[in-house]
């Protein structure tokens, strides 16, 4: 009985994942998606990445200010990692 329960605990989420992925992507034209990605401007992608990075760095710094009231010193790198995880 334990073996069946273990198999079911892996198989059921896998089946659900496949079902939800099918529902999510069944109406997507992947050729059009590839065409859109091939037309992306590298300059704008770089600008987006820089803005996105600074946004997350500032969020980490803000968390550091909040945490400073509880803990003496937390590195910005640790805060940035926690911010990236979510």
C-alpha atoms as a PDB file:
ATOM      1  CA  UNK A   1       0.000   0.000   0.000  1.00  0.00           C
ATOM      2  CA  UNK A   2       2.864   2.378   0.783  1.00  0.00           C
ATOM      3  CA  UNK A   3       4.377   1.857  -2.659  1.00  0.00           C
ATOM      4  CA  UNK A   4       1.078   2.686  -4.393  1.00  0.00           C
ATOM      5  CA  UNK A   5       0.729   5.821  -2.294  1.00  0.00           C
ATOM      6  CA  UNK A   6       4.271   6.898  -3.194  1.00  0.00           C
ATOM      7  CA  UNK A   7       3.704   6.287  -6.910  1.00  0.00           C
ATOM      8  CA  UNK A   8       0.411   8.199  -6.776  1.00  0.00           C
ATOM      9  CA  UNK A   9       2.062  11.108  -4.948  1.00  0.00           C
ATOM     10  CA  UNK A  10       4.439  11.535  -7.913  1.00  0.00           C
ATOM     11  CA  UNK A  11       2.118  10.538 -10.738  1.00  0.00           C
ATOM     12  CA  UNK A  12      -0.884  12.712  -9.854  1.00  0.00           C
ATOM     13  CA  UNK A  13       1.016  16.044  -9.791  1.00  0.00           C
ATOM     14  CA  UNK A  14       2.801  15.041 -13.008  1.00  0.00           C
ATOM     15  CA  UNK A  15      -0.506  14.358 -14.771  1.00  0.00           C
ATOM     16  CA  UNK A  16      -1.930  17.640 -13.466  1.00  0.00           C
ATOM     17  CA  UNK A  17       1.139  19.523 -14.667  1.00  0.00           C
ATOM     18  CA  UNK A  18       0.881  18.017 -18.152  1.00  0.00           C
ATOM     19  CA  UNK A  19      -2.829  18.823 -18.287  1.00  0.00           C
ATOM     20  CA  UNK A  20      -2.341  22.448 -17.211  1.00  0.00           C
ATOM     21  CA  UNK A  21       0.579  22.933 -19.605  1.00  0.00           C
ATOM     22  CA  UNK A  22      -1.543  21.571 -22.431  1.00  0.00           C
ATOM     23  CA  UNK A  23      -4.403  23.932 -21.542  1.00  0.00           C
ATOM     24  CA  UNK A  24      -2.023  26.888 -21.277  1.00  0.00           C
ATOM     25  CA  UNK A  25      -0.201  26.280 -24.566  1.00  0.00           C
ATOM     26  CA  UNK A  26      -2.780  24.628 -26.839  1.00  0.00           C
ATOM     27  CA  UNK A  27      -3.685  27.868 -28.661  1.00  0.00           C
ATOM     28  CA  UNK A  28      -0.156  29.263 -28.896  1.00  0.00           C
ATOM     29  CA  UNK A  29       1.405  29.618 -32.335  1.00  0.00           C
ATOM     30  CA  UNK A  30       5.046  28.868 -31.541  1.00  0.00           C
ATOM     31  CA  UNK A  31       6.198  29.967 -34.979  1.00  0.00           C
ATOM     32  CA  UNK A  32       4.788  33.427 -34.250  1.00  0.00           C
ATOM     33  CA  UNK A  33       6.453  33.449 -30.824  1.00  0.00           C
ATOM     34  CA  UNK A  34       9.825  32.626 -32.401  1.00  0.00           C
ATOM     35  CA  UNK A  35       9.261  35.344 -34.985  1.00  0.00           C
ATOM     36  CA  UNK A  36       8.527  37.896 -32.243  1.00  0.00           C
ATOM     37  CA  UNK A  37      11.622  36.875 -30.263  1.00  0.00           C
ATOM     38  CA  UNK A  38      13.793  37.086 -33.359  1.00  0.00           C
ATOM     39  CA  UNK A  39      12.666  40.694 -33.896  1.00  0.00           C
ATOM     40  CA  UNK A  40      13.509  41.879 -30.367  1.00  0.00           C
ATOM     41  CA  UNK A  41      15.904  44.811 -30.272  1.00  0.00           C
ATOM     42  CA  UNK A  42      19.006  43.966 -28.236  1.00  0.00           C
ATOM     43  CA  UNK A  43      19.282  47.620 -27.172  1.00  0.00           C
ATOM     44  CA  UNK A  44      15.822  47.668 -25.600  1.00  0.00           C
ATOM     45  CA  UNK A  45      16.432  44.284 -24.018  1.00  0.00           C
ATOM     46  CA  UNK A  46      19.606  45.662 -22.410  1.00  0.00           C
ATOM     47  CA  UNK A  47      17.751  48.791 -21.208  1.00  0.00           C
ATOM     48  CA  UNK A  48      15.045  46.594 -19.701  1.00  0.00           C
ATOM     49  CA  UNK A  49      17.628  44.408 -17.943  1.00  0.00           C
ATOM     50  CA  UNK A  50      19.412  47.440 -16.440  1.00  0.00           C
ATOM     51  CA  UNK A  51      16.159  48.968 -15.166  1.00  0.00           C
ATOM     52  CA  UNK A  52      14.996  45.607 -13.842  1.00  0.00           C
ATOM     53  CA  UNK A  53      18.322  45.068 -12.035  1.00  0.00           C
ATOM     54  CA  UNK A  54      18.294  48.501 -10.406  1.00  0.00           C
ATOM     55  CA  UNK A  55      14.696  47.984  -9.369  1.00  0.00           C
ATOM     56  CA  UNK A  56      15.588  44.769  -7.553  1.00  0.00           C
ATOM     57  CA  UNK A  57      18.707  46.296  -6.005  1.00  0.00           C
ATOM     58  CA  UNK A  58      16.637  49.169  -4.622  1.00  0.00           C
ATOM     59  CA  UNK A  59      14.062  46.712  -3.318  1.00  0.00           C
ATOM     60  CA  UNK A  60      16.844  44.792  -1.550  1.00  0.00           C
ATOM     61  CA  UNK A  61      18.216  48.030  -0.095  1.00  0.00           C
ATOM     62  CA  UNK A  62      14.738  48.925   1.161  1.00  0.00           C
ATOM     63  CA  UNK A  63      14.466  45.519   2.828  1.00  0.00           C
ATOM     64  CA  UNK A  64      17.842  46.194   4.441  1.00  0.00           C
ATOM     65  CA  UNK A  65      16.466  49.377   5.996  1.00  0.00           C
ATOM     66  CA  UNK A  66      13.475  47.473   7.351  1.00  0.00           C
ATOM     67  CA  UNK A  67      15.570  44.578   8.673  1.00  0.00           C
ATOM     68  CA  UNK A  68      18.127  46.946  10.221  1.00  0.00           C
ATOM     69  CA  UNK A  69      15.704  47.600  13.102  1.00  0.00           C
ATOM     70  CA  UNK A  70      15.864  43.905  14.035  1.00  0.00           C
ATOM     71  CA  UNK A  71      19.343  42.829  12.954  1.00  0.00           C
ATOM     72  CA  UNK A  72      22.497  44.931  13.038  1.00  0.00           C
ATOM     73  CA  UNK A  73      23.956  44.270   9.579  1.00  0.00           C
ATOM     74  CA  UNK A  74      22.776  42.252   6.607  1.00  0.00           C
ATOM     75  CA  UNK A  75      24.745  42.330   3.378  1.00  0.00           C
ATOM     76  CA  UNK A  76      23.138  43.756   0.272  1.00  0.00           C
ATOM     77  CA  UNK A  77      24.111  40.577  -1.586  1.00  0.00           C
ATOM     78  CA  UNK A  78      22.087  38.408   0.819  1.00  0.00           C
ATOM     79  CA  UNK A  79      19.167  40.811   0.611  1.00  0.00           C
ATOM     80  CA  UNK A  80      19.384  40.844  -3.181  1.00  0.00           C
ATOM     81  CA  UNK A  81      19.327  37.045  -3.267  1.00  0.00           C
ATOM     82  CA  UNK A  82      16.274  36.962  -1.024  1.00  0.00           C
ATOM     83  CA  UNK A  83      14.581  39.579  -3.196  1.00  0.00           C
ATOM     84  CA  UNK A  84      15.272  37.545  -6.322  1.00  0.00           C
ATOM     85  CA  UNK A  85      13.768  34.427  -4.770  1.00  0.00           C
ATOM     86  CA  UNK A  86      10.614  36.346  -4.063  1.00  0.00           C
END
